[in-house]
Amino acid sequence: MGKSNTGDVIVGLGCCAVASVLMMVIVCGGLGLVAVGISSSSNTTESILGRKVVRKNLQGWVSSEDYNQCLQYVAAGDLEGFGNFMTEGLAAGRCVDFGVGEVVYVNDVSVMMGAVKARREEGTKEYWVPIECVQP
């Protein structure tokens, strides 16, 4: 991890297709949520796809709209709104919890959202999760 002149965090994802990523990291306590803003990337994502292992407890969202709404609550510092949204999402089946060490298959990548669409090893339903929460 390095710093640019402006103090923005820059993360290189090594052999992953993302060549240069400008990260705006928003971490919500121990809730396992990380939001990422991307400034530039290469157009190859093959090394991100495939079998991965979840690196931290997190929530996966069925729709990209719900995923983005969740990030907006965190970015605004509205932890109560975030908690309510997550509780409602879990109850309605719009999101699920993933645990550390769980095997997932990444089938899609949205570099602009900083997220991947992953499914559980034994399932077919896919969820949007933060890209840094699955091992390369």
Protein backbone atom coordinates (compact mmCIF):
# COMPACT_ATOMS: atom_id res chain seq x y z
CA MET A 1 0.00 0.00 0.00
CA GLY A 2 1.33 3.42 -0.85
CA LYS A 3 0.31 7.06 -0.68
CA SER A 4 -0.08 9.56 -3.48
CA ASN A 5 0.96 13.20 -3.16
CA THR A 6 -2.58 14.09 -2.11
CA GLY A 7 -2.71 11.47 0.64
CA ASP A 8 -5.15 9.19 -1.20
CA VAL A 9 -4.52 5.52 -0.52
CA ILE A 10 -3.34 3.63 -3.59
CA VAL A 11 -3.53 -0.13 -3.66
CA GLY A 12 -1.97 -2.34 -6.33
CA LEU A 13 -3.76 -5.65 -6.68
CA GLY A 14 -0.64 -7.35 -8.05
CA CYS A 15 -1.46 -9.91 -10.70
CA CYS A 16 -5.11 -8.93 -10.54
CA ALA A 17 -6.25 -7.02 -13.58
CA VAL A 18 -6.62 -3.75 -11.73
CA ALA A 19 -3.42 -1.89 -12.54
CA SER A 20 -3.79 1.30 -10.55
CA VAL A 21 -6.61 1.80 -8.10
CA LEU A 22 -7.35 4.97 -6.20
CA MET A 23 -9.10 3.83 -3.04
CA MET A 24 -11.44 5.73 -0.81
CA VAL A 25 -11.82 3.24 2.01
CA ILE A 26 -14.75 3.51 4.36
CA VAL A 27 -14.76 0.89 7.07
CA CYS A 28 -17.80 0.46 9.24
CA GLY A 29 -16.63 -0.81 12.63
CA GLY A 30 -16.61 -4.58 12.81
CA LEU A 31 -19.48 -4.90 10.38
CA GLY A 32 -17.26 -6.06 7.54
CA LEU A 33 -18.22 -3.37 5.07
CA VAL A 34 -15.66 -1.67 2.89
CA ALA A 35 -16.57 0.87 0.21
CA VAL A 36 -14.19 1.53 -2.62
CA GLY A 37 -14.03 4.36 -5.13
CA ILE A 38 -12.06 3.60 -8.28
CA SER A 39 -10.27 6.22 -10.37
CA SER A 40 -8.59 4.10 -13.04
CA SER A 41 -8.07 0.46 -13.96
CA SER A 42 -7.09 -1.85 -16.77
CA ASN A 43 -9.82 -3.70 -18.64
CA THR A 44 -8.78 -7.26 -17.75
CA THR A 45 -10.39 -9.00 -14.79
CA GLU A 46 -9.69 -12.70 -15.39
CA SER A 47 -7.52 -13.18 -12.29
CA ILE A 48 -10.30 -11.84 -10.07
CA LEU A 49 -12.80 -14.40 -11.38
CA GLY A 50 -13.12 -17.99 -10.12
CA ARG A 51 -12.84 -19.80 -6.79
CA LYS A 52 -11.98 -17.51 -3.86
CA VAL A 53 -11.98 -17.57 -0.07
CA VAL A 54 -13.77 -14.93 2.01
CA ARG A 55 -11.15 -12.97 4.01
CA LYS A 56 -13.45 -11.27 6.54
CA ASN A 57 -17.03 -11.48 7.75
CA LEU A 58 -19.22 -9.46 5.39
CA GLN A 59 -22.65 -9.02 3.90
CA GLY A 60 -23.49 -9.76 0.27
CA TRP A 61 -26.34 -7.97 -1.50
CA VAL A 62 -28.58 -9.41 -4.24
CA SER A 63 -28.92 -6.09 -6.08
CA SER A 64 -26.23 -3.55 -6.90
CA GLU A 65 -28.73 -0.83 -5.89
CA ASP A 66 -28.97 -2.22 -2.35
CA TYR A 67 -25.18 -2.65 -2.21
CA ASN A 68 -24.70 1.00 -3.21
CA GLN A 69 -27.39 2.21 -0.77
CA CYS A 70 -25.59 0.40 2.03
CA LEU A 71 -22.34 2.15 1.09
CA GLN A 72 -24.14 5.52 1.05
CA TYR A 73 -25.27 5.03 4.66
CA VAL A 74 -21.70 4.25 5.68
CA ALA A 75 -20.22 7.16 3.69
CA ALA A 76 -22.69 9.53 5.37
CA GLY A 77 -21.69 8.18 8.80
CA ASP A 78 -25.28 7.04 9.36
CA LEU A 79 -24.58 3.84 11.27
CA GLU A 80 -28.14 3.63 12.57
CA GLY A 81 -29.50 3.80 9.02
CA PHE A 82 -26.90 1.26 7.92
CA GLY A 83 -27.87 -1.13 10.73
CA ASN A 84 -31.59 -0.77 9.98
CA PHE A 85 -31.03 -1.25 6.25
CA MET A 86 -28.92 -4.35 6.86
CA THR A 87 -31.41 -5.82 9.35
CA GLU A 88 -34.28 -5.25 6.89
CA GLY A 89 -32.19 -6.69 4.05
CA LEU A 90 -31.35 -9.84 6.01
CA ALA A 91 -35.00 -10.34 7.03
CA ALA A 92 -36.23 -9.83 3.45
CA GLY A 93 -33.56 -12.05 1.89
CA ARG A 94 -31.96 -9.12 0.01
CA CYS A 95 -28.63 -9.76 1.70
CA VAL A 96 -26.80 -12.61 3.42
CA ASP A 97 -23.85 -12.98 5.76
CA PHE A 98 -20.61 -14.55 4.53
CA GLY A 99 -18.06 -15.87 7.02
CA VAL A 100 -14.27 -15.91 7.02
CA GLY A 101 -12.94 -18.95 5.16
CA GLU A 102 -16.13 -19.55 3.20
CA VAL A 103 -15.51 -20.62 -0.41
CA VAL A 104 -17.20 -18.50 -3.08
CA TYR A 105 -17.05 -18.29 -6.86
CA VAL A 106 -16.63 -14.82 -8.35
CA ASN A 107 -18.57 -14.58 -11.62
CA ASP A 108 -18.64 -10.84 -12.30
CA VAL A 109 -16.58 -7.78 -11.42
CA SER A 110 -17.61 -4.14 -11.21
CA VAL A 111 -14.39 -2.20 -10.85
CA MET A 112 -16.36 1.05 -10.71
CA MET A 113 -18.39 -0.24 -7.71
CA GLY A 114 -15.34 -1.88 -6.12
CA ALA A 115 -17.38 -5.07 -5.89
CA VAL A 116 -17.57 -8.59 -7.21
CA LYS A 117 -20.61 -10.77 -7.73
CA ALA A 118 -20.03 -14.04 -5.92
CA ARG A 119 -22.00 -17.18 -5.18
CA ARG A 120 -21.54 -19.73 -2.43
CA GLU A 121 -19.77 -22.93 -3.41
CA GLU A 122 -22.95 -24.96 -2.98
CA GLY A 123 -25.40 -22.39 -4.37
CA THR A 124 -26.40 -20.53 -7.51
CA LYS A 125 -27.70 -17.22 -6.11
CA GLU A 126 -25.17 -14.40 -6.54
CA TYR A 127 -24.42 -11.47 -4.22
CA TRP A 128 -22.45 -8.23 -4.56
CA VAL A 129 -19.58 -8.09 -2.03
CA PRO A 130 -16.58 -5.76 -1.58
CA ILE A 131 -13.74 -6.81 -3.87
CA GLU A 132 -11.11 -6.72 -1.13
CA CYS A 133 -13.01 -9.21 1.02
CA VAL A 134 -12.25 -12.20 -1.19
CA GLN A 135 -8.74 -13.62 -1.62
CA PRO A 136 -7.17 -13.30 -5.05
